[in-house]
C-alpha atoms as a PDB file:
ATOM      1  CA  PRO A   1    -175.930-133.580-125.985  1.00  0.00           C
ATOM      2  CA  MET A   2    -172.892-131.596-126.794  1.00  0.00           C
ATOM      3  CA  LEU A   3    -172.760-131.083-123.153  1.00  0.00           C
ATOM      4  CA  ASN A   4    -173.443-133.438-120.364  1.00  0.00           C
ATOM      5  CA  ALA A   5    -173.979-133.043-116.543  1.00  0.00           C
ATOM      6  CA  VAL A   6    -172.618-135.908-114.232  1.00  0.00           C
ATOM      7  CA  THR A   7    -173.238-136.172-110.522  1.00  0.00           C
ATOM      8  CA  VAL A   8    -170.283-135.947-108.615  1.00  0.00           C
ATOM      9  CA  PRO A   9    -170.438-139.023-106.017  1.00  0.00           C
ATOM     10  CA  ASP A  10    -170.941-138.074-102.449  1.00  0.00           C
ATOM     11  CA  GLY A  11    -167.839-138.362-100.766  1.00  0.00           C
ATOM     12  CA  VAL A  12    -165.511-137.381-103.662  1.00  0.00           C
ATOM     13  CA  ASP A  13    -163.505-133.941-103.592  1.00  0.00           C
ATOM     14  CA  GLU A  14    -164.816-132.456-107.616  1.00  0.00           C
ATOM     15  CA  ALA A  15    -161.987-130.269-107.376  1.00  0.00           C
ATOM     16  CA  LYS A  16    -159.319-132.390-106.925  1.00  0.00           C
ATOM     17  CA  VAL A  17    -160.631-134.819-109.416  1.00  0.00           C
ATOM     18  CA  ARG A  18    -160.836-132.456-112.081  1.00  0.00           C
ATOM     19  CA  ALA A  19    -157.322-131.210-110.944  1.00  0.00           C
ATOM     20  CA  ARG A  20    -155.874-134.625-111.349  1.00  0.00           C
ATOM     21  CA  LEU A  21    -157.995-135.236-114.621  1.00  0.00           C
ATOM     22  CA  LEU A  22    -155.836-132.028-115.670  1.00  0.00           C
ATOM     23  CA  SER A  23    -152.415-133.019-114.877  1.00  0.00           C
ATOM     24  CA  GLU A  24    -152.719-136.434-115.437  1.00  0.00           C
ATOM     25  CA  HIS A  25    -154.553-137.252-118.219  1.00  0.00           C
ATOM     26  CA  SER A  26    -154.178-133.959-120.076  1.00  0.00           C
ATOM     27  CA  ILE A  27    -158.752-133.990-119.473  1.00  0.00           C
ATOM     28  CA  GLU A  28    -160.354-130.467-118.554  1.00  0.00           C
ATOM     29  CA  ILE A  29    -163.565-131.032-117.306  1.00  0.00           C
ATOM     30  CA  GLY A  30    -166.044-128.283-116.006  1.00  0.00           C
ATOM     31  CA  SER A  31    -167.591-127.769-112.215  1.00  0.00           C
ATOM     32  CA  GLY A  32    -171.416-126.932-111.673  1.00  0.00           C
ATOM     33  CA  LEU A  33    -172.173-123.321-111.187  1.00  0.00           C
ATOM     34  CA  GLY A  34    -174.514-121.281-109.298  1.00  0.00           C
ATOM     35  CA  PRO A  35    -176.501-124.301-106.992  1.00  0.00           C
ATOM     36  CA  LEU A  36    -174.988-126.815-108.842  1.00  0.00           C
ATOM     37  CA  ALA A  37    -171.447-125.475-107.815  1.00  0.00           C
ATOM     38  CA  GLY A  38    -169.693-128.718-106.031  1.00  0.00           C
ATOM     39  CA  LYS A  39    -172.403-131.311-106.899  1.00  0.00           C
ATOM     40  CA  ILE A  40    -172.030-131.613-110.866  1.00  0.00           C
ATOM     41  CA  TRP A  41    -169.267-131.986-113.107  1.00  0.00           C
ATOM     42  CA  ARG A  42    -169.582-130.986-116.836  1.00  0.00           C
ATOM     43  CA  ILE A  43    -168.145-132.657-119.675  1.00  0.00           C
ATOM     44  CA  GLY A  44    -168.328-131.570-123.163  1.00  0.00           C
ATOM     45  CA  LEU A  45    -168.474-133.999-125.960  1.00  0.00           C
ATOM     46  CA  MET A  46    -168.420-132.086-129.493  1.00  0.00           C
ATOM     47  CA  GLY A  47    -166.349-133.010-132.479  1.00  0.00           C
ATOM     48  CA  HIS A  48    -163.751-134.959-132.377  1.00  0.00           C
ATOM     49  CA  THR A  49    -164.015-135.585-128.772  1.00  0.00           C
ATOM     50  CA  ALA A  50    -167.389-136.943-128.865  1.00  0.00           C
ATOM     51  CA  ARG A  51    -165.586-140.213-130.733  1.00  0.00           C
ATOM     52  CA  ALA A  52    -166.194-143.270-128.982  1.00  0.00           C
ATOM     53  CA  ALA A  53    -162.085-143.853-128.149  1.00  0.00           C
ATOM     54  CA  ASN A  54    -162.498-140.246-126.743  1.00  0.00           C
ATOM     55  CA  VAL A  55    -165.674-140.958-124.815  1.00  0.00           C
ATOM     56  CA  GLU A  56    -164.135-144.594-123.204  1.00  0.00           C
ATOM     57  CA  ARG A  57    -160.604-142.340-122.568  1.00  0.00           C
ATOM     58  CA  VAL A  58    -162.276-139.391-120.133  1.00  0.00           C
ATOM     59  CA  LEU A  59    -164.446-142.378-118.726  1.00  0.00           C
ATOM     60  CA  SER A  60    -161.337-144.443-117.602  1.00  0.00           C
ATOM     61  CA  ALA A  61    -159.678-141.119-116.612  1.00  0.00           C
ATOM     62  CA  LEU A  62    -162.493-139.794-114.899  1.00  0.00           C
ATOM     63  CA  ALA A  63    -162.916-143.772-112.750  1.00  0.00           C
ATOM     64  CA  ALA A  64    -158.742-143.756-112.310  1.00  0.00           C
ATOM     65  CA  CYS A  65    -159.575-140.034-110.715  1.00  0.00           C
ATOM     66  CA  ILE A  66    -162.527-140.831-108.300  1.00  0.00           C
ATOM     67  CA  LYS A  67    -160.698-143.722-106.569  1.00  0.00           C
END
């Protein structure tokens, strides 16, 4: 899929995680829209970003920012 919806874990401030991803890792992901606002992240994986190394980088950075 070109866009993945990931559920925000309970107790996590999704906006703070997105801000840290951007400021600390230069990774930008989207927030949920409408009824999903604050409940999911939208992560795009197209072209170059779909390479295994980049997917691993996003997952690692996301894990670090959630802690």
